[in-house]
């Protein structure tokens, strides 16, 4: 039991915040008085490029620095055919997960602008990023704690069985008679 409590203290839960971004076509790609949501198909390939840029080591280092306790993932949303990007941030506390989610969300449009500047995309054709959902709360993740608890309980059970076998063998060895024979309980 105490091993389980120790394991729970050594592996506190982490917290995950999720957000969604949609890429919208530039004004030059939309007819006058047109709905940008009806012209998004040309922005779908950009989701992959932008996601890879956000996951690159240089971007991660710029955003996180030496913070090993915060992780983020930026990836195209495979559940939709549109230009949706999912952002997932994992940290040790809910406030940290929410704070770092905001930081990653703020970096995403800037990264998109840098990519378009590098390729000389005219201002009128520039794709923009719109946040669709911002996390208000983070989800508590206990999977690491559960794995550690299962491991520690398993080690405890195996140790108990091995200890019982060893004690039994020691008791049997001590019960032997001086000539090496095992005594019988016959009256």
C-alpha atoms as a PDB file:
ATOM      1  CA  UNK A   1       0.000   0.000   0.000  1.00  0.00           C
ATOM      2  CA  UNK A   2       2.756   2.445   0.925  1.00  0.00           C
ATOM      3  CA  UNK A   3       4.499   1.690  -2.374  1.00  0.00           C
ATOM      4  CA  UNK A   4       1.329   2.745  -4.195  1.00  0.00           C
ATOM      5  CA  UNK A   5       1.139   6.026  -2.247  1.00  0.00           C
ATOM      6  CA  UNK A   6       4.825   6.670  -2.950  1.00  0.00           C
ATOM      7  CA  UNK A   7       4.278   5.985  -6.644  1.00  0.00           C
ATOM      8  CA  UNK A   8       1.334   8.398  -6.777  1.00  0.00           C
ATOM      9  CA  UNK A   9       3.428  11.120  -5.140  1.00  0.00           C
ATOM     10  CA  UNK A  10       6.407  10.536  -7.432  1.00  0.00           C
ATOM     11  CA  UNK A  11       4.299  10.750 -10.608  1.00  0.00           C
ATOM     12  CA  UNK A  12       1.790  13.547 -10.234  1.00  0.00           C
ATOM     13  CA  UNK A  13      -0.823  13.893 -12.966  1.00  0.00           C
ATOM     14  CA  UNK A  14      -0.243  16.115 -15.956  1.00  0.00           C
ATOM     15  CA  UNK A  15      -2.764  18.414 -17.596  1.00  0.00           C
ATOM     16  CA  UNK A  16      -3.666  18.721 -21.267  1.00  0.00           C
ATOM     17  CA  UNK A  17      -5.190  21.747 -23.011  1.00  0.00           C
ATOM     18  CA  UNK A  18      -6.554  21.446 -26.565  1.00  0.00           C
ATOM     19  CA  UNK A  19      -7.328  24.151 -29.103  1.00  0.00           C
ATOM     20  CA  UNK A  20      -8.391  24.256 -32.751  1.00  0.00           C
ATOM     21  CA  UNK A  21      -7.336  26.614 -35.545  1.00  0.00           C
ATOM     22  CA  UNK A  22      -8.779  26.966 -39.034  1.00  0.00           C
ATOM     23  CA  UNK A  23      -6.861  28.409 -41.979  1.00  0.00           C
ATOM     24  CA  UNK A  24      -8.766  30.893 -44.128  1.00  0.00           C
ATOM     25  CA  UNK A  25      -7.924  31.875 -47.711  1.00  0.00           C
ATOM     26  CA  UNK A  26      -6.599  35.338 -48.483  1.00  0.00           C
ATOM     27  CA  UNK A  27      -9.012  38.045 -49.642  1.00  0.00           C
ATOM     28  CA  UNK A  28      -7.720  37.729 -53.211  1.00  0.00           C
ATOM     29  CA  UNK A  29      -8.946  34.132 -53.328  1.00  0.00           C
ATOM     30  CA  UNK A  30     -12.538  35.005 -52.430  1.00  0.00           C
ATOM     31  CA  UNK A  31     -15.003  36.679 -54.816  1.00  0.00           C
ATOM     32  CA  UNK A  32     -16.537  39.983 -53.694  1.00  0.00           C
ATOM     33  CA  UNK A  33     -19.045  39.424 -50.898  1.00  0.00           C
ATOM     34  CA  UNK A  34     -17.999  35.765 -50.837  1.00  0.00           C
ATOM     35  CA  UNK A  35     -17.913  33.508 -47.814  1.00  0.00           C
ATOM     36  CA  UNK A  36     -14.295  32.526 -46.963  1.00  0.00           C
ATOM     37  CA  UNK A  37     -15.495  29.227 -45.501  1.00  0.00           C
ATOM     38  CA  UNK A  38     -16.662  28.159 -48.960  1.00  0.00           C
ATOM     39  CA  UNK A  39     -13.181  28.684 -50.465  1.00  0.00           C
ATOM     40  CA  UNK A  40     -10.975  26.899 -47.909  1.00  0.00           C
ATOM     41  CA  UNK A  41      -9.973  23.877 -50.013  1.00  0.00           C
ATOM     42  CA  UNK A  42      -6.817  25.594 -51.275  1.00  0.00           C
ATOM     43  CA  UNK A  43      -5.562  26.029 -47.727  1.00  0.00           C
ATOM     44  CA  UNK A  44      -5.709  22.329 -46.770  1.00  0.00           C
ATOM     45  CA  UNK A  45      -2.087  21.532 -47.866  1.00  0.00           C
ATOM     46  CA  UNK A  46      -0.838  24.450 -45.775  1.00  0.00           C
ATOM     47  CA  UNK A  47      -2.024  22.731 -42.580  1.00  0.00           C
ATOM     48  CA  UNK A  48       0.676  20.087 -43.007  1.00  0.00           C
ATOM     49  CA  UNK A  49       3.406  22.616 -43.793  1.00  0.00           C
ATOM     50  CA  UNK A  50       2.465  24.860 -40.875  1.00  0.00           C
ATOM     51  CA  UNK A  51       2.185  21.905 -38.481  1.00  0.00           C
ATOM     52  CA  UNK A  52       5.647  20.675 -39.441  1.00  0.00           C
ATOM     53  CA  UNK A  53       7.052  24.176 -39.030  1.00  0.00           C
ATOM     54  CA  UNK A  54       5.553  24.447 -35.546  1.00  0.00           C
ATOM     55  CA  UNK A  55       6.970  21.043 -34.578  1.00  0.00           C
ATOM     56  CA  UNK A  56      10.471  21.801 -35.902  1.00  0.00           C
ATOM     57  CA  UNK A  57      13.293  21.875 -33.359  1.00  0.00           C
ATOM     58  CA  UNK A  58      13.999  25.559 -33.990  1.00  0.00           C
ATOM     59  CA  UNK A  59      10.400  26.534 -33.255  1.00  0.00           C
ATOM     60  CA  UNK A  60      10.231  24.270 -30.207  1.00  0.00           C
ATOM     61  CA  UNK A  61      13.437  25.755 -28.817  1.00  0.00           C
ATOM     62  CA  UNK A  62      12.234  29.311 -29.461  1.00  0.00           C
ATOM     63  CA  UNK A  63       8.910  28.615 -27.741  1.00  0.00           C
ATOM     64  CA  UNK A  64       9.876  26.308 -24.886  1.00  0.00           C
ATOM     65  CA  UNK A  65      13.513  27.132 -24.291  1.00  0.00           C
ATOM     66  CA  UNK A  66      14.805  24.553 -21.818  1.00  0.00           C
ATOM     67  CA  UNK A  67      11.378  23.698 -20.367  1.00  0.00           C
ATOM     68  CA  UNK A  68      11.310  19.891 -20.343  1.00  0.00           C
ATOM     69  CA  UNK A  69       8.112  19.815 -18.255  1.00  0.00           C
ATOM     70  CA  UNK A  70       5.970  21.313 -21.051  1.00  0.00           C
ATOM     71  CA  UNK A  71       5.169  19.556 -24.321  1.00  0.00           C
ATOM     72  CA  UNK A  72       3.081  20.583 -27.267  1.00  0.00           C
ATOM     73  CA  UNK A  73       1.849  19.006 -30.484  1.00  0.00           C
ATOM     74  CA  UNK A  74       0.529  20.792 -33.555  1.00  0.00           C
ATOM     75  CA  UNK A  75      -1.033  18.576 -36.213  1.00  0.00           C
ATOM     76  CA  UNK A  76      -3.636  18.661 -38.978  1.00  0.00           C
ATOM     77  CA  UNK A  77      -7.023  17.514 -37.735  1.00  0.00           C
ATOM     78  CA  UNK A  78      -7.524  14.150 -39.447  1.00  0.00           C
ATOM     79  CA  UNK A  79     -11.194  14.057 -38.464  1.00  0.00           C
ATOM     80  CA  UNK A  80     -12.123  16.760 -40.958  1.00  0.00           C
ATOM     81  CA  UNK A  81     -11.497  17.425 -44.644  1.00  0.00           C
ATOM     82  CA  UNK A  82     -11.025  21.143 -43.970  1.00  0.00           C
ATOM     83  CA  UNK A  83      -7.888  23.102 -43.087  1.00  0.00           C
ATOM     84  CA  UNK A  84      -8.145  22.508 -39.332  1.00  0.00           C
ATOM     85  CA  UNK A  85      -5.135  22.348 -37.041  1.00  0.00           C
ATOM     86  CA  UNK A  86      -5.198  20.905 -33.549  1.00  0.00           C
ATOM     87  CA  UNK A  87      -2.933  22.198 -30.785  1.00  0.00           C
ATOM     88  CA  UNK A  88      -2.363  20.080 -27.689  1.00  0.00           C
ATOM     89  CA  UNK A  89      -0.283  21.296 -24.739  1.00  0.00           C
ATOM     90  CA  UNK A  90       0.691  19.107 -21.784  1.00  0.00           C
ATOM     91  CA  UNK A  91       2.095  20.562 -18.556  1.00  0.00           C
ATOM     92  CA  UNK A  92       2.341  19.733 -14.845  1.00  0.00           C
ATOM     93  CA  UNK A  93      -0.516  22.005 -13.771  1.00  0.00           C
ATOM     94  CA  UNK A  94      -3.745  23.281 -15.275  1.00  0.00           C
ATOM     95  CA  UNK A  95      -2.679  26.959 -15.212  1.00  0.00           C
ATOM     96  CA  UNK A  96       0.593  26.077 -16.967  1.00  0.00           C
ATOM     97  CA  UNK A  97      -1.194  24.034 -19.632  1.00  0.00           C
ATOM     98  CA  UNK A  98      -3.552  26.931 -20.330  1.00  0.00           C
ATOM     99  CA  UNK A  99      -0.746  29.513 -20.343  1.00  0.00           C
ATOM    100  CA  UNK A 100       1.414  27.507 -22.738  1.00  0.00           C
ATOM    101  CA  UNK A 101      -1.594  26.822 -24.931  1.00  0.00           C
ATOM    102  CA  UNK A 102      -2.000  30.591 -25.334  1.00  0.00           C
ATOM    103  CA  UNK A 103       1.700  30.912 -26.209  1.00  0.00           C
ATOM    104  CA  UNK A 104       1.541  28.220 -28.881  1.00  0.00           C
ATOM    105  CA  UNK A 105      -1.678  29.676 -30.284  1.00  0.00           C
ATOM    106  CA  UNK A 106      -0.029  33.116 -30.475  1.00  0.00           C
ATOM    107  CA  UNK A 107       2.993  31.672 -32.298  1.00  0.00           C
ATOM    108  CA  UNK A 108       0.982  29.832 -34.945  1.00  0.00           C
ATOM    109  CA  UNK A 109      -0.199  32.896 -36.970  1.00  0.00           C
ATOM    110  CA  UNK A 110       3.282  34.387 -36.708  1.00  0.00           C
ATOM    111  CA  UNK A 111       4.809  31.189 -38.098  1.00  0.00           C
ATOM    112  CA  UNK A 112       2.246  31.224 -40.916  1.00  0.00           C
ATOM    113  CA  UNK A 113       3.180  34.833 -41.751  1.00  0.00           C
ATOM    114  CA  UNK A 114       6.904  33.988 -41.762  1.00  0.00           C
ATOM    115  CA  UNK A 115       6.325  31.058 -44.142  1.00  0.00           C
ATOM    116  CA  UNK A 116       4.343  33.268 -46.509  1.00  0.00           C
ATOM    117  CA  UNK A 117       6.965  36.034 -46.360  1.00  0.00           C
ATOM    118  CA  UNK A 118       9.694  33.521 -47.207  1.00  0.00           C
ATOM    119  CA  UNK A 119       7.779  32.466 -50.318  1.00  0.00           C
ATOM    120  CA  UNK A 120       6.846  36.047 -51.338  1.00  0.00           C
ATOM    121  CA  UNK A 121       3.090  35.459 -51.164  1.00  0.00           C
ATOM    122  CA  UNK A 122       1.358  38.757 -52.042  1.00  0.00           C
ATOM    123  CA  UNK A 123      -0.541  40.364 -49.167  1.00  0.00           C
ATOM    124  CA  UNK A 124      -3.915  39.926 -50.908  1.00  0.00           C
ATOM    125  CA  UNK A 125      -3.351  36.162 -51.271  1.00  0.00           C
ATOM    126  CA  UNK A 126      -2.098  35.523 -47.734  1.00  0.00           C
ATOM    127  CA  UNK A 127      -3.772  32.794 -45.732  1.00  0.00           C
ATOM    128  CA  UNK A 128      -4.770  33.687 -42.180  1.00  0.00           C
ATOM    129  CA  UNK A 129      -5.325  31.594 -39.063  1.00  0.00           C
ATOM    130  CA  UNK A 130      -8.465  31.883 -36.973  1.00  0.00           C
ATOM    131  CA  UNK A 131      -8.801  30.280 -33.553  1.00  0.00           C
ATOM    132  CA  UNK A 132     -11.918  28.129 -33.455  1.00  0.00           C
ATOM    133  CA  UNK A 133     -11.695  26.854 -29.896  1.00  0.00           C
ATOM    134  CA  UNK A 134      -9.643  28.014 -26.944  1.00  0.00           C
ATOM    135  CA  UNK A 135      -9.404  25.821 -23.860  1.00  0.00           C
ATOM    136  CA  UNK A 136     -11.050  27.205 -20.741  1.00  0.00           C
ATOM    137  CA  UNK A 137      -9.931  24.252 -18.657  1.00  0.00           C
ATOM    138  CA  UNK A 138      -7.314  21.562 -19.022  1.00  0.00           C
ATOM    139  CA  UNK A 139      -7.971  17.840 -18.732  1.00  0.00           C
ATOM    140  CA  UNK A 140      -6.192  15.953 -15.977  1.00  0.00           C
ATOM    141  CA  UNK A 141      -4.157  13.027 -17.302  1.00  0.00           C
ATOM    142  CA  UNK A 142      -3.368  10.214 -14.890  1.00  0.00           C
ATOM    143  CA  UNK A 143      -2.064   7.589 -17.312  1.00  0.00           C
ATOM    144  CA  UNK A 144       1.573   7.929 -16.161  1.00  0.00           C
ATOM    145  CA  UNK A 145       0.514   7.689 -12.513  1.00  0.00           C
ATOM    146  CA  UNK A 146      -1.605   4.619 -13.262  1.00  0.00           C
ATOM    147  CA  UNK A 147       1.254   2.911 -15.128  1.00  0.00           C
ATOM    148  CA  UNK A 148       3.666   3.562 -12.246  1.00  0.00           C
ATOM    149  CA  UNK A 149       1.125   2.296  -9.704  1.00  0.00           C
ATOM    150  CA  UNK A 150       0.560  -0.906 -11.683  1.00  0.00           C
ATOM    151  CA  UNK A 151       4.311  -1.408 -12.000  1.00  0.00           C
ATOM    152  CA  UNK A 152       4.944  -0.807  -8.285  1.00  0.00           C
ATOM    153  CA  UNK A 153       2.080  -3.049  -7.174  1.00  0.00           C
ATOM    154  CA  UNK A 154       3.346  -5.771  -9.533  1.00  0.00           C
ATOM    155  CA  UNK A 155       6.877  -5.467  -8.139  1.00  0.00           C
ATOM    156  CA  UNK A 156       5.446  -5.568  -4.618  1.00  0.00           C
ATOM    157  CA  UNK A 157       3.443  -8.733  -5.333  1.00  0.00           C
ATOM    158  CA  UNK A 158       6.384 -10.486  -6.977  1.00  0.00           C
ATOM    159  CA  UNK A 159       8.662  -9.475  -4.082  1.00  0.00           C
ATOM    160  CA  UNK A 160       6.148 -10.812  -1.571  1.00  0.00           C
ATOM    161  CA  UNK A 161       5.888 -14.179  -3.359  1.00  0.00           C
ATOM    162  CA  UNK A 162       9.683 -14.465  -3.663  1.00  0.00           C
ATOM    163  CA  UNK A 163      10.130 -13.542   0.003  1.00  0.00           C
ATOM    164  CA  UNK A 164       7.552 -16.167   1.044  1.00  0.00           C
ATOM    165  CA  UNK A 165       9.338 -18.829  -1.026  1.00  0.00           C
ATOM    166  CA  UNK A 166      12.701 -17.881   0.478  1.00  0.00           C
ATOM    167  CA  UNK A 167      11.354 -17.893   4.069  1.00  0.00           C
ATOM    168  CA  UNK A 168       9.696 -21.267   3.466  1.00  0.00           C
ATOM    169  CA  UNK A 169      12.949 -22.731   2.135  1.00  0.00           C
ATOM    170  CA  UNK A 170      14.850 -21.380   5.161  1.00  0.00           C
ATOM    171  CA  UNK A 171      12.312 -22.875   7.552  1.00  0.00           C
ATOM    172  CA  UNK A 172      12.473 -26.236   5.788  1.00  0.00           C
ATOM    173  CA  UNK A 173      16.251 -26.189   5.925  1.00  0.00           C
ATOM    174  CA  UNK A 174      16.244 -25.448   9.661  1.00  0.00           C
ATOM    175  CA  UNK A 175      13.799 -28.331  10.353  1.00  0.00           C
ATOM    176  CA  UNK A 176      16.171 -30.985   9.023  1.00  0.00           C
ATOM    177  CA  UNK A 177      17.760 -33.450  11.487  1.00  0.00           C
ATOM    178  CA  UNK A 178      21.514 -33.585  12.002  1.00  0.00           C
ATOM    179  CA  UNK A 179      21.844 -36.565   9.624  1.00  0.00           C
ATOM    180  CA  UNK A 180      20.192 -34.538   6.755  1.00  0.00           C
ATOM    181  CA  UNK A 181      16.860 -36.348   6.813  1.00  0.00           C
ATOM    182  CA  UNK A 182      13.647 -34.420   7.071  1.00  0.00           C
ATOM    183  CA  UNK A 183      11.825 -35.217  10.323  1.00  0.00           C
ATOM    184  CA  UNK A 184       8.392 -36.763  10.164  1.00  0.00           C
ATOM    185  CA  UNK A 185       5.493 -35.939  12.402  1.00  0.00           C
ATOM    186  CA  UNK A 186       4.687 -39.608  13.156  1.00  0.00           C
ATOM    187  CA  UNK A 187       3.748 -40.281  16.836  1.00  0.00           C
END
